[in-house]
Amino acid sequence: MTPTEPTLDPRTRPEAAATNHPFSETELAPASGEEQELTVEPEEFAALQRELDQALAKADEHWKLYLGAHAEMENLRKRAEREVQNAHKFALERFFGELLPVRDSLELGLAAASESVDVTQLRAGVELTLRQLVAAMEKFGARDVNPAAGVRFNPAEHEAMAMVPTDQAEPNTVVQVVQKGYSLNERLIRPAKVLVAQAAPKPAGS
């Protein structure tokens, strides 16, 4: 027998099936001339208008608050700038006032020394002036950096001017203060210049 080729029913062809597809373009496309209108009820429109008015009022209130805060911050900034300028300008006013008696004492002592020299009185006047100066400096947080002999050398406060070989002091200790140092409110202004002990060299053949 000769095999027969299968035949397709025209009703099942893809073209026919695509034509009758429930989601074909023809059925999905809107009819020409049709327009969709959005309708809003009067009550809903009125509610939306009230919400918009409230939002605008709140935005206006926030804007006014921002302007007020901005103006206040600008005033604070200008006042802070003036205070900083005045602080820089008059920072030494009190210290200057404390030094005035020291200057007065020095001028009086110089005037007295020009007339007649009395070593005892001159010494007493100088000591008084020095006490006034020390008191004025201490009032503002100044202190001496004046290590005693035998104190261990501290590079944070001392400056070694020279090493002195000696067997009379421990190595790396202060032998003599050449110039006192000073600190202001625990901040070093000038280190103390010192001579530092060094181990004495051993005699040859020992």
N, C-alpha and C. Protein backbone atom coordinates (compact mmCIF):
# COMPACT_ATOMS: atom_id res chain seq x y z
N MET A 1 0.84 -1.19 0.00
CA MET A 1 0.00 0.00 0.00
C MET A 1 0.87 1.24 0.00
N THR A 2 0.46 2.23 -0.68
CA THR A 2 1.20 3.49 -0.70
C THR A 2 0.74 4.36 0.44
N PRO A 3 1.69 4.79 1.32
CA PRO A 3 1.25 5.61 2.47
C PRO A 3 0.70 6.93 1.98
N THR A 4 -0.31 7.32 2.60
CA THR A 4 -0.96 8.59 2.23
C THR A 4 -0.41 9.70 3.09
N GLU A 5 -0.20 10.87 2.50
CA GLU A 5 0.29 12.01 3.26
C GLU A 5 -0.83 12.62 4.06
N PRO A 6 -0.51 13.02 5.29
CA PRO A 6 -1.58 13.61 6.13
C PRO A 6 -2.02 14.94 5.55
N THR A 7 -3.25 15.17 5.64
CA THR A 7 -3.83 16.42 5.15
C THR A 7 -4.28 17.25 6.31
N LEU A 8 -4.18 18.56 6.16
CA LEU A 8 -4.57 19.48 7.23
C LEU A 8 -5.92 20.06 6.92
N ASP A 9 -6.70 20.12 7.93
CA ASP A 9 -8.00 20.74 7.79
C ASP A 9 -7.81 22.24 7.71
N PRO A 10 -8.32 22.89 6.68
CA PRO A 10 -8.14 24.34 6.58
C PRO A 10 -8.61 25.09 7.80
N ARG A 11 -9.54 24.51 8.54
CA ARG A 11 -10.06 25.21 9.70
C ARG A 11 -9.04 25.30 10.83
N THR A 12 -7.99 24.40 10.78
CA THR A 12 -6.98 24.40 11.85
C THR A 12 -5.71 25.09 11.44
N ARG A 13 -5.69 25.83 10.30
CA ARG A 13 -4.46 26.51 9.89
C ARG A 13 -4.14 27.65 10.88
N PRO A 14 -2.81 27.92 11.04
CA PRO A 14 -2.42 29.00 12.00
C PRO A 14 -3.01 30.34 11.65
N GLU A 15 -3.14 30.60 10.29
CA GLU A 15 -3.69 31.88 9.92
C GLU A 15 -5.11 32.03 10.42
N ALA A 16 -5.83 30.97 10.30
CA ALA A 16 -7.23 31.02 10.74
C ALA A 16 -7.30 31.14 12.25
N ALA A 17 -6.40 30.41 12.93
CA ALA A 17 -6.44 30.46 14.41
C ALA A 17 -6.09 31.84 14.91
N ALA A 18 -5.07 32.47 14.26
CA ALA A 18 -4.67 33.81 14.70
C ALA A 18 -5.77 34.81 14.47
N THR A 19 -6.56 34.59 13.43
CA THR A 19 -7.62 35.54 13.13
C THR A 19 -8.67 35.56 14.20
N ASN A 20 -8.93 34.39 14.77
CA ASN A 20 -10.00 34.28 15.77
C ASN A 20 -9.47 34.32 17.20
N HIS A 21 -8.17 34.76 17.42
CA HIS A 21 -7.60 34.78 18.78
C HIS A 21 -8.36 35.80 19.62
N PRO A 22 -8.71 35.43 20.83
CA PRO A 22 -9.52 36.35 21.65
C PRO A 22 -8.80 37.64 21.99
N PHE A 23 -7.42 37.68 21.93
CA PHE A 23 -6.68 38.89 22.26
C PHE A 23 -6.01 39.48 21.03
N SER A 24 -6.61 39.33 19.90
CA SER A 24 -6.05 39.86 18.66
C SER A 24 -6.09 41.38 18.68
N GLU A 25 -5.25 42.01 17.81
CA GLU A 25 -5.18 43.46 17.76
C GLU A 25 -6.52 44.09 17.44
N THR A 26 -7.27 43.42 16.62
CA THR A 26 -8.54 44.00 16.20
C THR A 26 -9.46 44.21 17.37
N GLU A 27 -9.46 43.23 18.27
CA GLU A 27 -10.39 43.36 19.39
C GLU A 27 -9.82 44.26 20.48
N LEU A 28 -8.45 44.33 20.61
CA LEU A 28 -7.87 45.16 21.65
C LEU A 28 -7.87 46.64 21.30
N ALA A 29 -7.75 46.97 20.05
CA ALA A 29 -7.69 48.37 19.64
C ALA A 29 -9.00 49.06 19.95
N PRO A 30 -8.94 50.24 20.53
CA PRO A 30 -10.19 50.96 20.81
C PRO A 30 -10.85 51.42 19.54
N ALA A 31 -12.11 51.52 19.62
CA ALA A 31 -12.86 52.00 18.45
C ALA A 31 -12.50 53.43 18.17
N SER A 32 -12.36 53.73 16.91
CA SER A 32 -11.98 55.09 16.51
C SER A 32 -13.04 56.08 16.95
N GLY A 33 -12.54 57.25 17.43
CA GLY A 33 -13.47 58.30 17.83
C GLY A 33 -13.92 58.22 19.26
N GLU A 34 -13.56 57.11 19.98
CA GLU A 34 -14.00 56.97 21.38
C GLU A 34 -13.06 57.76 22.29
N GLU A 35 -13.54 58.48 23.25
CA GLU A 35 -12.76 59.23 24.24
C GLU A 35 -13.28 58.90 25.63
N GLN A 36 -12.29 58.67 26.54
CA GLN A 36 -12.68 58.37 27.92
C GLN A 36 -12.66 59.65 28.73
N GLU A 37 -13.68 59.93 29.42
CA GLU A 37 -13.81 61.13 30.23
C GLU A 37 -13.69 60.78 31.71
N LEU A 38 -12.85 61.59 32.45
CA LEU A 38 -12.69 61.40 33.89
C LEU A 38 -13.65 62.33 34.61
N THR A 39 -14.51 61.77 35.33
CA THR A 39 -15.52 62.56 36.04
C THR A 39 -15.22 62.55 37.52
N VAL A 40 -15.32 63.71 38.17
CA VAL A 40 -15.09 63.86 39.61
C VAL A 40 -16.35 64.45 40.22
N GLU A 41 -16.77 63.83 41.29
CA GLU A 41 -17.96 64.32 41.98
C GLU A 41 -17.67 65.67 42.64
N PRO A 42 -18.63 66.53 42.76
CA PRO A 42 -18.42 67.84 43.38
C PRO A 42 -17.89 67.74 44.81
N GLU A 43 -18.40 66.76 45.56
CA GLU A 43 -17.93 66.61 46.94
C GLU A 43 -16.44 66.23 46.97
N GLU A 44 -16.05 65.33 46.07
CA GLU A 44 -14.65 64.91 46.01
C GLU A 44 -13.75 66.06 45.57
N PHE A 45 -14.23 66.86 44.61
CA PHE A 45 -13.46 68.01 44.15
C PHE A 45 -13.28 69.03 45.28
N ALA A 46 -14.34 69.24 46.03
CA ALA A 46 -14.26 70.18 47.14
C ALA A 46 -13.27 69.69 48.20
N ALA A 47 -13.26 68.38 48.47
CA ALA A 47 -12.33 67.81 49.45
C ALA A 47 -10.90 67.97 48.97
N LEU A 48 -10.66 67.72 47.68
CA LEU A 48 -9.32 67.90 47.13
C LEU A 48 -8.88 69.35 47.20
N GLN A 49 -9.80 70.27 46.93
CA GLN A 49 -9.46 71.69 46.99
C GLN A 49 -9.10 72.10 48.41
N ARG A 50 -9.84 71.56 49.40
CA ARG A 50 -9.52 71.88 50.80
C ARG A 50 -8.13 71.35 51.16
N GLU A 51 -7.81 70.12 50.74
CA GLU A 51 -6.49 69.55 51.03
C GLU A 51 -5.39 70.38 50.39
N LEU A 52 -5.63 70.85 49.16
CA LEU A 52 -4.64 71.68 48.49
C LEU A 52 -4.45 73.01 49.22
N ASP A 53 -5.54 73.62 49.66
CA ASP A 53 -5.44 74.88 50.39
C ASP A 53 -4.67 74.69 51.70
N GLN A 54 -4.95 73.57 52.38
CA GLN A 54 -4.24 73.30 53.64
C GLN A 54 -2.75 73.08 53.40
N ALA A 55 -2.42 72.35 52.33
CA ALA A 55 -1.01 72.11 52.01
C ALA A 55 -0.30 73.42 51.68
N LEU A 56 -0.96 74.29 50.92
CA LEU A 56 -0.36 75.58 50.59
C LEU A 56 -0.17 76.44 51.83
N ALA A 57 -1.15 76.42 52.72
CA ALA A 57 -1.04 77.19 53.96
C ALA A 57 0.11 76.67 54.82
N LYS A 58 0.25 75.33 54.89
CA LYS A 58 1.34 74.74 55.67
C LYS A 58 2.68 75.09 55.06
N ALA A 59 2.78 75.04 53.73
CA ALA A 59 4.03 75.40 53.05
C ALA A 59 4.39 76.86 53.32
N ASP A 60 3.39 77.74 53.30
CA ASP A 60 3.65 79.15 53.57
C ASP A 60 4.13 79.35 55.01
N GLU A 61 3.52 78.61 55.94
CA GLU A 61 3.93 78.70 57.34
C GLU A 61 5.37 78.24 57.52
N HIS A 62 5.73 77.12 56.87
CA HIS A 62 7.09 76.61 56.97
C HIS A 62 8.08 77.58 56.34
N TRP A 63 7.69 78.23 55.26
CA TRP A 63 8.58 79.19 54.62
C TRP A 63 8.86 80.39 55.54
N LYS A 64 7.81 80.86 56.23
CA LYS A 64 7.99 81.97 57.16
C LYS A 64 8.89 81.55 58.32
N LEU A 65 8.71 80.31 58.82
CA LEU A 65 9.57 79.83 59.89
C LEU A 65 11.02 79.74 59.44
N TYR A 66 11.21 79.29 58.21
CA TYR A 66 12.58 79.20 57.67
C TYR A 66 13.21 80.58 57.58
N LEU A 67 12.46 81.56 57.07
CA LEU A 67 13.00 82.91 56.95
C LEU A 67 13.38 83.47 58.33
N GLY A 68 12.51 83.22 59.33
CA GLY A 68 12.82 83.70 60.68
C GLY A 68 14.06 83.03 61.25
N ALA A 69 14.15 81.70 61.07
CA ALA A 69 15.33 80.98 61.57
C ALA A 69 16.60 81.43 60.86
N HIS A 70 16.48 81.65 59.56
CA HIS A 70 17.66 82.10 58.79
C HIS A 70 18.12 83.47 59.28
N ALA A 71 17.18 84.37 59.52
CA ALA A 71 17.55 85.70 60.01
C ALA A 71 18.19 85.61 61.39
N GLU A 72 17.65 84.75 62.25
CA GLU A 72 18.21 84.58 63.59
C GLU A 72 19.63 84.02 63.53
N MET A 73 19.86 83.03 62.68
CA MET A 73 21.19 82.46 62.54
C MET A 73 22.17 83.49 61.99
N GLU A 74 21.71 84.32 61.08
CA GLU A 74 22.59 85.36 60.54
C GLU A 74 22.98 86.36 61.63
N ASN A 75 22.01 86.71 62.49
CA ASN A 75 22.32 87.62 63.60
C ASN A 75 23.31 86.99 64.58
N LEU A 76 23.11 85.68 64.87
CA LEU A 76 24.03 84.98 65.76
C LEU A 76 25.43 84.92 65.17
N ARG A 77 25.52 84.68 63.87
CA ARG A 77 26.82 84.62 63.23
C ARG A 77 27.55 85.96 63.32
N LYS A 78 26.83 87.05 63.04
CA LYS A 78 27.45 88.37 63.11
C LYS A 78 27.87 88.71 64.54
N ARG A 79 27.02 88.34 65.53
CA ARG A 79 27.37 88.62 66.91
C ARG A 79 28.60 87.81 67.34
N ALA A 80 28.66 86.54 66.89
CA ALA A 80 29.83 85.71 67.23
C ALA A 80 31.10 86.27 66.60
N GLU A 81 30.99 86.77 65.38
CA GLU A 81 32.16 87.38 64.73
C GLU A 81 32.64 88.60 65.51
N ARG A 82 31.69 89.43 65.96
CA ARG A 82 32.08 90.61 66.74
C ARG A 82 32.75 90.21 68.05
N GLU A 83 32.20 89.17 68.71
CA GLU A 83 32.77 88.73 69.98
C GLU A 83 34.17 88.17 69.79
N VAL A 84 34.37 87.43 68.71
CA VAL A 84 35.71 86.89 68.44
C VAL A 84 36.70 88.03 68.16
N GLN A 85 36.27 89.00 67.38
CA GLN A 85 37.13 90.14 67.10
C GLN A 85 37.49 90.90 68.38
N ASN A 86 36.49 91.09 69.24
CA ASN A 86 36.76 91.79 70.50
C ASN A 86 37.68 90.96 71.40
N ALA A 87 37.48 89.62 71.38
CA ALA A 87 38.34 88.76 72.20
C ALA A 87 39.79 88.85 71.74
N HIS A 88 39.99 88.86 70.42
CA HIS A 88 41.36 89.00 69.91
C HIS A 88 41.92 90.38 70.25
N LYS A 89 41.07 91.37 70.17
CA LYS A 89 41.53 92.74 70.35
C LYS A 89 41.85 93.06 71.80
N PHE A 90 41.04 92.51 72.73
CA PHE A 90 41.20 92.87 74.14
C PHE A 90 41.61 91.68 75.00
N ALA A 91 42.20 90.66 74.40
CA ALA A 91 42.59 89.47 75.16
C ALA A 91 43.62 89.80 76.24
N LEU A 92 44.50 90.75 75.96
CA LEU A 92 45.56 91.10 76.90
C LEU A 92 45.20 92.28 77.79
N GLU A 93 43.94 92.70 77.77
CA GLU A 93 43.57 93.89 78.53
C GLU A 93 43.80 93.69 80.02
N ARG A 94 43.34 92.57 80.56
CA ARG A 94 43.50 92.32 82.00
C ARG A 94 44.98 92.15 82.35
N PHE A 95 45.69 91.42 81.50
CA PHE A 95 47.11 91.21 81.77
C PHE A 95 47.87 92.54 81.73
N PHE A 96 47.50 93.38 80.79
CA PHE A 96 48.12 94.71 80.70
C PHE A 96 47.84 95.51 81.96
N GLY A 97 46.60 95.42 82.47
CA GLY A 97 46.27 96.12 83.71
C GLY A 97 47.09 95.64 84.89
N GLU A 98 47.39 94.31 84.91
CA GLU A 98 48.20 93.78 86.00
C GLU A 98 49.66 94.21 85.89
N LEU A 99 50.11 94.49 84.67
CA LEU A 99 51.51 94.89 84.49
C LEU A 99 51.74 96.37 84.76
N LEU A 100 50.69 97.17 84.80
CA LEU A 100 50.86 98.60 85.01
C LEU A 100 51.57 98.91 86.33
N PRO A 101 51.21 98.28 87.45
CA PRO A 101 51.96 98.56 88.69
C PRO A 101 53.43 98.18 88.58
N VAL A 102 53.73 97.13 87.81
CA VAL A 102 55.14 96.74 87.63
C VAL A 102 55.90 97.86 86.93
N ARG A 103 55.29 98.40 85.89
CA ARG A 103 55.94 99.49 85.17
C ARG A 103 56.10 100.72 86.07
N ASP A 104 55.03 101.02 86.83
CA ASP A 104 55.13 102.16 87.75
C ASP A 104 56.29 101.98 88.72
N SER A 105 56.44 100.77 89.25
CA SER A 105 57.51 100.52 90.22
C SER A 105 58.89 100.67 89.58
N LEU A 106 59.00 100.16 88.33
CA LEU A 106 60.29 100.30 87.64
C LEU A 106 60.62 101.76 87.37
N GLU A 107 59.63 102.54 86.99
CA GLU A 107 59.88 103.96 86.70
C GLU A 107 60.25 104.72 87.97
N LEU A 108 59.57 104.39 89.09
CA LEU A 108 59.91 105.04 90.36
C LEU A 108 61.32 104.67 90.81
N GLY A 109 61.68 103.40 90.64
CA GLY A 109 63.02 102.96 91.02
C GLY A 109 64.10 103.61 90.18
N LEU A 110 63.81 103.74 88.87
CA LEU A 110 64.79 104.39 88.00
C LEU A 110 64.96 105.86 88.37
N ALA A 111 63.85 106.53 88.69
CA ALA A 111 63.93 107.94 89.08
C ALA A 111 64.70 108.11 90.38
N ALA A 112 64.48 107.20 91.31
CA ALA A 112 65.20 107.30 92.59
C ALA A 112 66.69 107.01 92.42
N ALA A 113 67.02 106.08 91.51
CA ALA A 113 68.42 105.72 91.31
C ALA A 113 69.19 106.86 90.65
N SER A 114 68.49 107.68 89.89
CA SER A 114 69.19 108.77 89.21
C SER A 114 69.58 109.89 90.17
N GLU A 115 68.88 109.98 91.31
CA GLU A 115 69.16 111.05 92.27
C GLU A 115 70.28 110.63 93.23
N SER A 116 70.08 109.54 93.88
CA SER A 116 71.10 109.05 94.81
C SER A 116 71.04 107.53 94.82
N VAL A 117 72.14 106.89 94.80
CA VAL A 117 72.21 105.43 94.73
C VAL A 117 72.33 104.88 96.14
N ASP A 118 71.33 104.17 96.56
CA ASP A 118 71.35 103.44 97.83
C ASP A 118 71.12 101.98 97.47
N VAL A 119 72.16 101.20 97.58
CA VAL A 119 72.08 99.80 97.13
C VAL A 119 70.98 99.04 97.86
N THR A 120 70.83 99.30 99.13
CA THR A 120 69.82 98.57 99.91
C THR A 120 68.42 98.90 99.41
N GLN A 121 68.15 100.20 99.27
CA GLN A 121 66.83 100.60 98.79
C GLN A 121 66.60 100.15 97.33
N LEU A 122 67.64 100.23 96.54
CA LEU A 122 67.52 99.80 95.15
C LEU A 122 67.19 98.31 95.07
N ARG A 123 67.87 97.52 95.87
CA ARG A 123 67.61 96.09 95.89
C ARG A 123 66.18 95.80 96.36
N ALA A 124 65.76 96.51 97.40
CA ALA A 124 64.40 96.31 97.90
C ALA A 124 63.36 96.67 96.84
N GLY A 125 63.62 97.75 96.11
CA GLY A 125 62.68 98.15 95.06
C GLY A 125 62.62 97.13 93.94
N VAL A 126 63.78 96.61 93.56
CA VAL A 126 63.81 95.59 92.50
C VAL A 126 63.09 94.32 92.94
N GLU A 127 63.30 93.91 94.19
CA GLU A 127 62.62 92.71 94.71
C GLU A 127 61.11 92.90 94.73
N LEU A 128 60.66 94.10 95.12
CA LEU A 128 59.23 94.39 95.13
C LEU A 128 58.66 94.32 93.71
N THR A 129 59.38 94.90 92.77
CA THR A 129 58.93 94.88 91.38
C THR A 129 58.85 93.45 90.85
N LEU A 130 59.84 92.65 91.18
CA LEU A 130 59.85 91.26 90.72
C LEU A 130 58.67 90.49 91.31
N ARG A 131 58.38 90.71 92.59
CA ARG A 131 57.24 90.03 93.21
C ARG A 131 55.93 90.43 92.52
N GLN A 132 55.80 91.71 92.19
CA GLN A 132 54.60 92.15 91.48
C GLN A 132 54.47 91.47 90.11
N LEU A 133 55.58 91.36 89.41
CA LEU A 133 55.57 90.72 88.10
C LEU A 133 55.22 89.23 88.20
N VAL A 134 55.81 88.56 89.15
CA VAL A 134 55.53 87.13 89.34
C VAL A 134 54.06 86.92 89.70
N ALA A 135 53.52 87.76 90.58
CA ALA A 135 52.12 87.63 90.96
C ALA A 135 51.20 87.84 89.76
N ALA A 136 51.52 88.84 88.93
CA ALA A 136 50.70 89.10 87.74
C ALA A 136 50.74 87.93 86.78
N MET A 137 51.90 87.32 86.58
CA MET A 137 52.02 86.20 85.67
C MET A 137 51.30 84.96 86.22
N GLU A 138 51.43 84.71 87.51
CA GLU A 138 50.78 83.54 88.11
C GLU A 138 49.26 83.67 88.06
N LYS A 139 48.78 84.90 88.18
CA LYS A 139 47.33 85.11 88.13
C LYS A 139 46.75 84.65 86.80
N PHE A 140 47.55 84.67 85.75
CA PHE A 140 47.08 84.27 84.43
C PHE A 140 47.58 82.88 84.03
N GLY A 141 48.03 82.10 85.00
CA GLY A 141 48.36 80.70 84.73
C GLY A 141 49.78 80.44 84.33
N ALA A 142 50.68 81.41 84.51
CA ALA A 142 52.08 81.20 84.17
C ALA A 142 52.82 80.55 85.35
N ARG A 143 53.75 79.67 85.03
CA ARG A 143 54.57 79.07 86.08
C ARG A 143 55.99 78.88 85.56
N ASP A 144 56.92 78.85 86.50
CA ASP A 144 58.32 78.65 86.15
C ASP A 144 58.57 77.18 85.81
N VAL A 145 59.47 76.95 84.86
CA VAL A 145 60.03 75.62 84.63
C VAL A 145 61.49 75.72 85.03
N ASN A 146 61.76 75.38 86.30
CA ASN A 146 63.07 75.60 86.89
C ASN A 146 63.48 74.34 87.66
N PRO A 147 63.93 73.31 86.94
CA PRO A 147 64.24 72.04 87.61
C PRO A 147 65.43 72.18 88.55
N ALA A 148 65.33 71.49 89.67
CA ALA A 148 66.43 71.49 90.64
C ALA A 148 67.53 70.56 90.15
N ALA A 149 68.72 70.75 90.68
CA ALA A 149 69.83 69.88 90.34
C ALA A 149 69.51 68.45 90.76
N GLY A 150 69.80 67.51 89.90
CA GLY A 150 69.54 66.12 90.19
C GLY A 150 68.22 65.61 89.62
N VAL A 151 67.37 66.52 89.13
CA VAL A 151 66.12 66.10 88.51
C VAL A 151 66.42 65.46 87.16
N ARG A 152 65.72 64.39 86.85
CA ARG A 152 65.97 63.70 85.58
C ARG A 152 65.57 64.60 84.41
N PHE A 153 66.41 64.58 83.40
CA PHE A 153 66.18 65.41 82.22
C PHE A 153 64.87 65.01 81.54
N ASN A 154 64.02 66.02 81.27
CA ASN A 154 62.72 65.79 80.63
C ASN A 154 62.67 66.58 79.33
N PRO A 155 62.79 65.90 78.18
CA PRO A 155 62.82 66.63 76.91
C PRO A 155 61.53 67.39 76.61
N ALA A 156 60.44 67.05 77.31
CA ALA A 156 59.19 67.77 77.09
C ALA A 156 59.22 69.16 77.71
N GLU A 157 60.12 69.40 78.70
CA GLU A 157 60.19 70.69 79.37
C GLU A 157 61.60 71.29 79.38
N HIS A 158 62.60 70.47 79.09
CA HIS A 158 63.98 70.92 79.20
C HIS A 158 64.66 70.89 77.82
N GLU A 159 65.62 71.78 77.67
CA GLU A 159 66.45 71.81 76.47
C GLU A 159 67.91 71.67 76.91
N ALA A 160 68.57 70.60 76.46
CA ALA A 160 69.95 70.36 76.86
C ALA A 160 70.89 71.27 76.08
N MET A 161 71.62 72.10 76.80
CA MET A 161 72.58 72.99 76.18
C MET A 161 73.93 72.31 75.99
N ALA A 162 74.26 71.39 76.92
CA ALA A 162 75.53 70.67 76.83
C ALA A 162 75.48 69.48 77.77
N MET A 163 76.33 68.49 77.48
CA MET A 163 76.48 67.33 78.35
C MET A 163 77.75 67.52 79.17
N VAL A 164 77.63 67.33 80.47
CA VAL A 164 78.75 67.57 81.39
C VAL A 164 79.20 66.24 81.98
N PRO A 165 80.39 65.74 81.61
CA PRO A 165 80.88 64.50 82.24
C PRO A 165 81.16 64.73 83.73
N THR A 166 80.57 63.95 84.57
CA THR A 166 80.74 64.10 86.01
C THR A 166 80.39 62.80 86.71
N ASP A 167 81.07 62.58 87.84
CA ASP A 167 80.72 61.44 88.69
C ASP A 167 80.01 61.90 89.96
N GLN A 168 79.62 63.19 89.98
CA GLN A 168 78.94 63.76 91.13
C GLN A 168 77.42 63.73 90.97
N ALA A 169 76.93 63.30 89.82
CA ALA A 169 75.49 63.26 89.58
C ALA A 169 75.17 62.07 88.69
N GLU A 170 73.94 61.63 88.81
CA GLU A 170 73.49 60.52 87.97
C GLU A 170 73.45 60.95 86.51
N PRO A 171 73.85 60.06 85.60
CA PRO A 171 73.75 60.41 84.18
C PRO A 171 72.31 60.76 83.77
N ASN A 172 72.23 61.66 82.84
CA ASN A 172 70.94 62.10 82.29
C ASN A 172 70.09 62.85 83.32
N THR A 173 70.74 63.53 84.24
CA THR A 173 70.04 64.39 85.19
C THR A 173 70.53 65.82 85.02
N VAL A 174 69.76 66.77 85.54
CA VAL A 174 70.09 68.19 85.41
C VAL A 174 71.21 68.53 86.39
N VAL A 175 72.25 69.17 85.84
CA VAL A 175 73.36 69.63 86.67
C VAL A 175 73.18 71.10 87.03
N GLN A 176 72.76 71.90 86.05
CA GLN A 176 72.61 73.33 86.27
C GLN A 176 71.59 73.89 85.30
N VAL A 177 70.82 74.88 85.76
CA VAL A 177 69.86 75.58 84.91
C VAL A 177 70.53 76.84 84.38
N VAL A 178 70.65 76.92 83.07
CA VAL A 178 71.24 78.09 82.44
C VAL A 178 70.20 79.21 82.30
N GLN A 179 69.00 78.83 81.94
CA GLN A 179 67.91 79.80 81.79
C GLN A 179 66.59 79.11 82.12
N LYS A 180 65.80 79.73 82.97
CA LYS A 180 64.51 79.15 83.35
C LYS A 180 63.56 79.10 82.15
N GLY A 181 62.65 78.14 82.20
CA GLY A 181 61.59 78.06 81.20
C GLY A 181 60.27 78.51 81.82
N TYR A 182 59.27 78.62 80.96
CA TYR A 182 57.95 79.05 81.43
C TYR A 182 56.85 78.30 80.68
N SER A 183 55.76 78.06 81.38
CA SER A 183 54.57 77.47 80.76
C SER A 183 53.37 78.35 81.10
N LEU A 184 52.39 78.33 80.22
CA LEU A 184 51.18 79.12 80.42
C LEU A 184 49.98 78.19 80.32
N ASN A 185 49.28 78.05 81.46
CA ASN A 185 48.12 77.14 81.52
C ASN A 185 48.49 75.76 81.02
N GLU A 186 49.58 75.22 81.55
CA GLU A 186 50.10 73.88 81.28
C GLU A 186 50.62 73.73 79.85
N ARG A 187 50.75 74.81 79.12
CA ARG A 187 51.33 74.74 77.77
C ARG A 187 52.71 75.38 77.81
N LEU A 188 53.70 74.63 77.35
CA LEU A 188 55.08 75.10 77.42
C LEU A 188 55.28 76.28 76.47
N ILE A 189 55.77 77.38 77.04
CA ILE A 189 56.07 78.57 76.24
C ILE A 189 57.56 78.60 75.89
N ARG A 190 58.41 78.27 76.87
CA ARG A 190 59.86 78.24 76.64
C ARG A 190 60.45 77.15 77.51
N PRO A 191 61.21 76.22 76.93
CA PRO A 191 61.80 75.17 77.76
C PRO A 191 62.95 75.73 78.60
N ALA A 192 63.21 75.04 79.69
CA ALA A 192 64.34 75.43 80.53
C ALA A 192 65.63 74.94 79.88
N LYS A 193 66.59 75.83 79.76
CA LYS A 193 67.89 75.47 79.17
C LYS A 193 68.80 74.98 80.29
N VAL A 194 69.26 73.74 80.15
CA VAL A 194 69.97 73.10 81.26
C VAL A 194 71.25 72.42 80.75
N LEU A 195 72.13 72.16 81.73
CA LEU A 195 73.29 71.31 81.50
C LEU A 195 72.95 69.93 82.06
N VAL A 196 73.28 68.90 81.30
CA VAL A 196 72.88 67.54 81.66
C VAL A 196 74.10 66.71 81.99
N ALA A 197 73.99 65.92 83.05
CA ALA A 197 75.11 65.09 83.51
C ALA A 197 75.32 63.93 82.55
N GLN A 198 76.59 63.63 82.37
CA GLN A 198 77.01 62.49 81.55
C GLN A 198 78.00 61.66 82.35
N ALA A 199 77.96 60.38 82.16
CA ALA A 199 78.89 59.51 82.92
C ALA A 199 80.32 59.90 82.60
N ALA A 200 81.11 60.06 83.65
CA ALA A 200 82.53 60.44 83.45
C ALA A 200 83.28 59.31 82.81
N PRO A 201 84.19 59.62 81.89
CA PRO A 201 84.98 58.54 81.24
C PRO A 201 85.87 57.82 82.26
N LYS A 202 85.98 56.53 82.09
CA LYS A 202 86.82 55.75 83.02
C LYS A 202 88.29 56.00 82.70
N PRO A 203 89.11 56.04 83.74
CA PRO A 203 90.55 56.25 83.52
C PRO A 203 91.14 55.12 82.68
N ALA A 204 92.10 55.44 81.87
CA ALA A 204 92.73 54.43 81.02
C ALA A 204 93.41 53.38 81.86
N GLY A 205 93.22 52.11 81.46
CA GLY A 205 93.83 50.98 82.15
C GLY A 205 93.02 50.46 83.31
N SER A 206 91.84 51.08 83.58
CA SER A 206 91.03 50.60 84.71
C SER A 206 90.19 49.42 84.29
